[in-house]
Amino acid sequence: KVVYGMGIEKYDFEGRMIRADFGDKS
């Protein structure tokens, strides 16, 4: 799974965070 942003518009507008899940680790 890949999650783009934190779901907070003012931060996601600036492309601040991305998360990738591998099994039980992220």
PDB file of all heavy atoms in Angstrom:
ATOM      1  N   LYS A   1       0.846  -1.188   0.000  1.00  0.00           N
ATOM      2  CA  LYS A   1       0.000   0.000   0.000  1.00  0.00           C
ATOM      3  C   LYS A   1       0.878   1.234   0.000  1.00  0.00           C
ATOM      4  O   LYS A   1       1.936   1.245   0.624  1.00  0.00           O
ATOM      5  CB  LYS A   1      -0.901   0.001   1.242  1.00  0.00           C
ATOM      6  CG  LYS A   1      -1.859   1.175   1.360  1.00  0.00           C
ATOM      7  CD  LYS A   1      -2.690   1.049   2.640  1.00  0.00           C
ATOM      8  CE  LYS A   1      -3.674   2.192   2.786  1.00  0.00           C
ATOM      9  NZ  LYS A   1      -4.479   2.058   4.039  1.00  0.00           N
ATOM     10  N   VAL A   2       0.444   2.276  -0.694  1.00  0.00           N
ATOM     11  CA  VAL A   2       1.132   3.562  -0.675  1.00  0.00           C
ATOM     12  C   VAL A   2       0.122   4.632  -0.279  1.00  0.00           C
ATOM     13  O   VAL A   2      -0.983   4.689  -0.835  1.00  0.00           O
ATOM     14  CB  VAL A   2       1.763   3.897  -2.040  1.00  0.00           C
ATOM     15  CG1 VAL A   2       2.413   5.280  -2.009  1.00  0.00           C
ATOM     16  CG2 VAL A   2       2.793   2.838  -2.424  1.00  0.00           C
ATOM     17  N   VAL A   3       0.504   5.466   0.677  1.00  0.00           N
ATOM     18  CA  VAL A   3      -0.364   6.542   1.158  1.00  0.00           C
ATOM     19  C   VAL A   3       0.316   7.872   0.839  1.00  0.00           C
ATOM     20  O   VAL A   3       1.468   8.100   1.218  1.00  0.00           O
ATOM     21  CB  VAL A   3      -0.618   6.418   2.673  1.00  0.00           C
ATOM     22  CG1 VAL A   3      -1.463   7.591   3.172  1.00  0.00           C
ATOM     23  CG2 VAL A   3      -1.305   5.094   2.993  1.00  0.00           C
ATOM     24  N   TYR A   4      -0.408   8.737   0.154  1.00  0.00           N
ATOM     25  CA  TYR A   4       0.126  10.019  -0.280  1.00  0.00           C
ATOM     26  C   TYR A   4      -0.386  11.123   0.641  1.00  0.00           C
ATOM     27  O   TYR A   4      -1.574  11.457   0.620  1.00  0.00           O
ATOM     28  CB  TYR A   4      -0.288  10.303  -1.725  1.00  0.00           C
ATOM     29  CG  TYR A   4       0.243   9.282  -2.718  1.00  0.00           C
ATOM     30  CD1 TYR A   4      -0.456   8.099  -2.955  1.00  0.00           C
ATOM     31  CD2 TYR A   4       1.438   9.498  -3.391  1.00  0.00           C
ATOM     32  CE1 TYR A   4       0.022   7.160  -3.855  1.00  0.00           C
ATOM     33  CE2 TYR A   4       1.918   8.564  -4.299  1.00  0.00           C
ATOM     34  CZ  TYR A   4       1.215   7.399  -4.521  1.00  0.00           C
ATOM     35  OH  TYR A   4       1.694   6.456  -5.417  1.00  0.00           O
ATOM     36  N   GLY A   5       0.496  11.664   1.470  1.00  0.00           N
ATOM     37  CA  GLY A   5       0.121  12.757   2.346  1.00  0.00           C
ATOM     38  C   GLY A   5      -0.500  12.308   3.651  1.00  0.00           C
ATOM     39  O   GLY A   5      -0.721  11.115   3.902  1.00  0.00           O
ATOM     40  N   MET A   6      -0.804  13.311   4.494  1.00  0.00           N
ATOM     41  CA  MET A   6      -1.386  13.063   5.813  1.00  0.00           C
ATOM     42  C   MET A   6      -2.884  13.307   5.831  1.00  0.00           C
ATOM     43  O   MET A   6      -3.518  13.147   6.868  1.00  0.00           O
ATOM     44  CB  MET A   6      -0.730  13.959   6.865  1.00  0.00           C
ATOM     45  CG  MET A   6       0.741  13.695   7.090  1.00  0.00           C
ATOM     46  SD  MET A   6       1.332  14.386   8.670  1.00  0.00           S
ATOM     47  CE  MET A   6       0.893  16.114   8.514  1.00  0.00           C
ATOM     48  N   GLY A   7      -3.444  13.747   4.710  1.00  0.00           N
ATOM     49  CA  GLY A   7      -4.864  14.069   4.705  1.00  0.00           C
ATOM     50  C   GLY A   7      -5.157  15.448   5.274  1.00  0.00           C
ATOM     51  O   GLY A   7      -6.299  15.740   5.633  1.00  0.00           O
ATOM     52  N   ILE A   8      -4.119  16.301   5.355  1.00  0.00           N
ATOM     53  CA  ILE A   8      -4.279  17.682   5.807  1.00  0.00           C
ATOM     54  C   ILE A   8      -3.881  18.577   4.638  1.00  0.00           C
ATOM     55  O   ILE A   8      -2.718  18.605   4.225  1.00  0.00           O
ATOM     56  CB  ILE A   8      -3.419  17.978   7.050  1.00  0.00           C
ATOM     57  CG1 ILE A   8      -3.805  17.034   8.191  1.00  0.00           C
ATOM     58  CG2 ILE A   8      -3.567  19.439   7.480  1.00  0.00           C
ATOM     59  CD1 ILE A   8      -2.936  17.168   9.428  1.00  0.00           C
ATOM     60  N   GLU A   9      -4.833  19.294   4.086  1.00  0.00           N
ATOM     61  CA  GLU A   9      -4.657  19.964   2.797  1.00  0.00           C
ATOM     62  C   GLU A   9      -3.457  20.895   2.748  1.00  0.00           C
ATOM     63  O   GLU A   9      -2.686  20.892   1.777  1.00  0.00           O
ATOM     64  CB  GLU A   9      -5.925  20.736   2.439  1.00  0.00           C
ATOM     65  CG  GLU A   9      -5.871  21.380   1.055  1.00  0.00           C
ATOM     66  CD  GLU A   9      -7.171  22.082   0.691  1.00  0.00           C
ATOM     67  OE1 GLU A   9      -8.101  22.073   1.519  1.00  0.00           O
ATOM     68  OE2 GLU A   9      -7.238  22.642  -0.421  1.00  0.00           O
ATOM     69  N   LYS A  10      -3.265  21.708   3.785  1.00  0.00           N
ATOM     70  CA  LYS A  10      -2.188  22.713   3.723  1.00  0.00           C
ATOM     71  C   LYS A  10      -0.808  22.072   3.668  1.00  0.00           C
ATOM     72  O   LYS A  10       0.145  22.677   3.170  1.00  0.00           O
ATOM     73  CB  LYS A  10      -2.289  23.681   4.896  1.00  0.00           C
ATOM     74  CG  LYS A  10      -2.091  23.066   6.266  1.00  0.00           C
ATOM     75  CD  LYS A  10      -2.201  24.133   7.352  1.00  0.00           C
ATOM     76  CE  LYS A  10      -2.049  23.548   8.751  1.00  0.00           C
ATOM     77  NZ  LYS A  10      -2.130  24.600   9.799  1.00  0.00           N
ATOM     78  N   TYR A  11      -0.685  20.855   4.188  1.00  0.00           N
ATOM     79  CA  TYR A  11       0.584  20.138   4.120  1.00  0.00           C
ATOM     80  C   TYR A  11       0.700  19.320   2.830  1.00  0.00           C
ATOM     81  O   TYR A  11       1.748  19.305   2.187  1.00  0.00           O
ATOM     82  CB  TYR A  11       0.748  19.219   5.321  1.00  0.00           C
ATOM     83  CG  TYR A  11       0.649  19.911   6.657  1.00  0.00           C
ATOM     84  CD1 TYR A  11      -0.065  19.348   7.706  1.00  0.00           C
ATOM     85  CD2 TYR A  11       1.272  21.143   6.876  1.00  0.00           C
ATOM     86  CE1 TYR A  11      -0.155  19.968   8.941  1.00  0.00           C
ATOM     87  CE2 TYR A  11       1.183  21.782   8.097  1.00  0.00           C
ATOM     88  CZ  TYR A  11       0.466  21.186   9.135  1.00  0.00           C
ATOM     89  OH  TYR A  11       0.375  21.804  10.353  1.00  0.00           O
ATOM     90  N   ASP A  12      -0.392  18.668   2.474  1.00  0.00           N
ATOM     91  CA  ASP A  12      -0.367  17.838   1.271  1.00  0.00           C
ATOM     92  C   ASP A  12      -0.183  18.689   0.024  1.00  0.00           C
ATOM     93  O   ASP A  12       0.379  18.232  -0.974  1.00  0.00           O
ATOM     94  CB  ASP A  12      -1.643  17.004   1.177  1.00  0.00           C
ATOM     95  CG  ASP A  12      -1.757  15.996   2.321  1.00  0.00           C
ATOM     96  OD1 ASP A  12      -0.754  15.791   3.032  1.00  0.00           O
ATOM     97  OD2 ASP A  12      -2.852  15.430   2.504  1.00  0.00           O
ATOM     98  N   PHE A  13      -0.631  19.934   0.076  1.00  0.00           N
ATOM     99  CA  PHE A  13      -0.416  20.879  -1.016  1.00  0.00           C
ATOM    100  C   PHE A  13       1.072  21.049  -1.306  1.00  0.00           C
ATOM    101  O   PHE A  13       1.478  21.284  -2.446  1.00  0.00           O
ATOM    102  CB  PHE A  13      -1.039  22.229  -0.647  1.00  0.00           C
ATOM    103  CG  PHE A  13      -0.882  23.301  -1.684  1.00  0.00           C
ATOM    104  CD1 PHE A  13      -1.735  23.375  -2.774  1.00  0.00           C
ATOM    105  CD2 PHE A  13       0.125  24.267  -1.572  1.00  0.00           C
ATOM    106  CE1 PHE A  13      -1.597  24.371  -3.738  1.00  0.00           C
ATOM    107  CE2 PHE A  13       0.279  25.257  -2.527  1.00  0.00           C
ATOM    108  CZ  PHE A  13      -0.593  25.311  -3.607  1.00  0.00           C
ATOM    109  N   GLU A  14       1.901  20.905  -0.272  1.00  0.00           N
ATOM    110  CA  GLU A  14       3.343  21.089  -0.412  1.00  0.00           C
ATOM    111  C   GLU A  14       4.096  19.779  -0.627  1.00  0.00           C
ATOM    112  O   GLU A  14       5.331  19.789  -0.711  1.00  0.00           O
ATOM    113  CB  GLU A  14       3.897  21.818   0.819  1.00  0.00           C
ATOM    114  CG  GLU A  14       3.352  23.231   0.971  1.00  0.00           C
ATOM    115  CD  GLU A  14       4.076  24.046   2.026  1.00  0.00           C
ATOM    116  OE1 GLU A  14       4.999  23.507   2.678  1.00  0.00           O
ATOM    117  OE2 GLU A  14       3.729  25.234   2.185  1.00  0.00           O
ATOM    118  N   GLY A  15       3.385  18.640  -0.694  1.00  0.00           N
ATOM    119  CA  GLY A  15       4.045  17.362  -0.969  1.00  0.00           C
ATOM    120  C   GLY A  15       5.069  16.996   0.080  1.00  0.00           C
ATOM    121  O   GLY A  15       6.241  16.742  -0.227  1.00  0.00           O
ATOM    122  N   ARG A  16       4.636  16.926   1.327  1.00  0.00           N
ATOM    123  CA  ARG A  16       5.559  16.777   2.456  1.00  0.00           C
ATOM    124  C   ARG A  16       5.801  15.340   2.902  1.00  0.00           C
ATOM    125  O   ARG A  16       6.806  15.066   3.557  1.00  0.00           O
ATOM    126  CB  ARG A  16       5.032  17.584   3.652  1.00  0.00           C
ATOM    127  CG  ARG A  16       5.070  19.087   3.448  1.00  0.00           C
ATOM    128  CD  ARG A  16       6.430  19.630   3.690  1.00  0.00           C
ATOM    129  NE  ARG A  16       6.563  21.028   3.228  1.00  0.00           N
ATOM    130  CZ  ARG A  16       7.703  21.647   3.121  1.00  0.00           C
ATOM    131  NH1 ARG A  16       8.821  21.019   3.433  1.00  0.00           N
ATOM    132  NH2 ARG A  16       7.768  22.890   2.700  1.00  0.00           N
ATOM    133  N   MET A  17       4.898  14.398   2.604  1.00  0.00           N
ATOM    134  CA  MET A  17       5.039  13.059   3.170  1.00  0.00           C
ATOM    135  C   MET A  17       4.415  11.995   2.278  1.00  0.00           C
ATOM    136  O   MET A  17       3.362  12.213   1.688  1.00  0.00           O
ATOM    137  CB  MET A  17       4.358  12.999   4.541  1.00  0.00           C
ATOM    138  CG  MET A  17       4.715  11.782   5.362  1.00  0.00           C
ATOM    139  SD  MET A  17       3.321  11.187   6.382  1.00  0.00           S
ATOM    140  CE  MET A  17       2.341  10.337   5.143  1.00  0.00           C
ATOM    141  N   ILE A  18       5.076  10.861   2.181  1.00  0.00           N
ATOM    142  CA  ILE A  18       4.551   9.695   1.480  1.00  0.00           C
ATOM    143  C   ILE A  18       4.929   8.458   2.292  1.00  0.00           C
ATOM    144  O   ILE A  18       6.001   8.413   2.897  1.00  0.00           O
ATOM    145  CB  ILE A  18       5.085   9.618   0.032  1.00  0.00           C
ATOM    146  CG1 ILE A  18       4.429   8.477  -0.736  1.00  0.00           C
ATOM    147  CG2 ILE A  18       6.598   9.499   0.000  1.00  0.00           C
ATOM    148  CD1 ILE A  18       4.767   8.484  -2.231  1.00  0.00           C
ATOM    149  N   ARG A  19       4.023   7.477   2.315  1.00  0.00           N
ATOM    150  CA  ARG A  19       4.244   6.267   3.120  1.00  0.00           C
ATOM    151  C   ARG A  19       4.042   5.030   2.265  1.00  0.00           C
ATOM    152  O   ARG A  19       3.109   4.955   1.472  1.00  0.00           O
ATOM    153  CB  ARG A  19       3.248   6.242   4.281  1.00  0.00           C
ATOM    154  CG  ARG A  19       3.382   5.066   5.204  1.00  0.00           C
ATOM    155  CD  ARG A  19       2.300   5.081   6.274  1.00  0.00           C
ATOM    156  NE  ARG A  19       1.333   4.012   6.090  1.00  0.00           N
ATOM    157  CZ  ARG A  19       0.024   4.132   6.260  1.00  0.00           C
ATOM    158  NH1 ARG A  19      -0.517   5.298   6.582  1.00  0.00           N
ATOM    159  NH2 ARG A  19      -0.764   3.089   6.094  1.00  0.00           N
ATOM    160  N   ALA A  20       4.929   4.043   2.450  1.00  0.00           N
ATOM    161  CA  ALA A  20       4.805   2.751   1.771  1.00  0.00           C
ATOM    162  C   ALA A  20       4.782   1.649   2.825  1.00  0.00           C
ATOM    163  O   ALA A  20       5.635   1.616   3.722  1.00  0.00           O
ATOM    164  CB  ALA A  20       5.960   2.536   0.798  1.00  0.00           C
ATOM    165  N   ASP A  21       3.808   0.749   2.710  1.00  0.00           N
ATOM    166  CA  ASP A  21       3.667  -0.372   3.639  1.00  0.00           C
ATOM    167  C   ASP A  21       4.185  -1.646   2.987  1.00  0.00           C
ATOM    168  O   ASP A  21       3.815  -1.973   1.850  1.00  0.00           O
ATOM    169  CB  ASP A  21       2.196  -0.580   4.021  1.00  0.00           C
ATOM    170  CG  ASP A  21       1.607   0.599   4.778  1.00  0.00           C
ATOM    171  OD1 ASP A  21       2.383   1.413   5.313  1.00  0.00           O
ATOM    172  OD2 ASP A  21       0.358   0.693   4.843  1.00  0.00           O
ATOM    173  N   PHE A  22       5.032  -2.356   3.729  1.00  0.00           N
ATOM    174  CA  PHE A  22       5.575  -3.643   3.289  1.00  0.00           C
ATOM    175  C   PHE A  22       5.279  -4.662   4.389  1.00  0.00           C
ATOM    176  O   PHE A  22       5.963  -4.669   5.420  1.00  0.00           O
ATOM    177  CB  PHE A  22       7.086  -3.561   3.063  1.00  0.00           C
ATOM    178  CG  PHE A  22       7.526  -2.503   2.088  1.00  0.00           C
ATOM    179  CD1 PHE A  22       7.778  -1.202   2.509  1.00  0.00           C
ATOM    180  CD2 PHE A  22       7.705  -2.814   0.752  1.00  0.00           C
ATOM    181  CE1 PHE A  22       8.206  -0.229   1.621  1.00  0.00           C
ATOM    182  CE2 PHE A  22       8.129  -1.848  -0.161  1.00  0.00           C
ATOM    183  CZ  PHE A  22       8.380  -0.557   0.279  1.00  0.00           C
ATOM    184  N   GLY A  23       4.265  -5.483   4.197  1.00  0.00           N
ATOM    185  CA  GLY A  23       3.892  -6.408   5.258  1.00  0.00           C
ATOM    186  C   GLY A  23       3.504  -5.636   6.500  1.00  0.00           C
ATOM    187  O   GLY A  23       2.687  -4.702   6.445  1.00  0.00           O
ATOM    188  N   ASP A  24       4.133  -5.983   7.646  1.00  0.00           N
ATOM    189  CA  ASP A  24       3.803  -5.284   8.893  1.00  0.00           C
ATOM    190  C   ASP A  24       4.718  -4.092   9.153  1.00  0.00           C
ATOM    191  O   ASP A  24       4.697  -3.523  10.247  1.00  0.00           O
ATOM    192  CB  ASP A  24       3.854  -6.261  10.074  1.00  0.00           C
ATOM    193  CG  ASP A  24       5.265  -6.771  10.361  1.00  0.00           C
ATOM    194  OD1 ASP A  24       6.151  -6.625   9.485  1.00  0.00           O
ATOM    195  OD2 ASP A  24       5.478  -7.325  11.451  1.00  0.00           O
ATOM    196  N   LYS A  25       5.517  -3.697   8.162  1.00  0.00           N
ATOM    197  CA  LYS A  25       6.434  -2.570   8.331  1.00  0.00           C
ATOM    198  C   LYS A  25       6.088  -1.460   7.342  1.00  0.00           C
ATOM    199  O   LYS A  25       5.586  -1.721   6.249  1.00  0.00           O
ATOM    200  CB  LYS A  25       7.881  -3.023   8.140  1.00  0.00           C
ATOM    201  CG  LYS A  25       8.305  -4.107   9.143  1.00  0.00           C
ATOM    202  CD  LYS A  25       9.698  -4.610   8.858  1.00  0.00           C
ATOM    203  CE  LYS A  25      10.106  -5.708   9.840  1.00  0.00           C
ATOM    204  NZ  LYS A  25       9.276  -6.937   9.687  1.00  0.00           N
ATOM    205  N   SER A  26       6.382  -0.224   7.749  1.00  0.00           N
ATOM    206  CA  SER A  26       6.099   0.938   6.910  1.00  0.00           C
ATOM    207  C   SER A  26       7.313   1.845   6.837  1.00  0.00           C
ATOM    208  O   SER A  26       8.040   2.006   7.824  1.00  0.00           O
ATOM    209  CB  SER A  26       4.917   1.738   7.467  1.00  0.00           C
ATOM    210  OG  SER A  26       3.724   0.990   7.434  1.00  0.00           O
TER     211      SER A  26
END
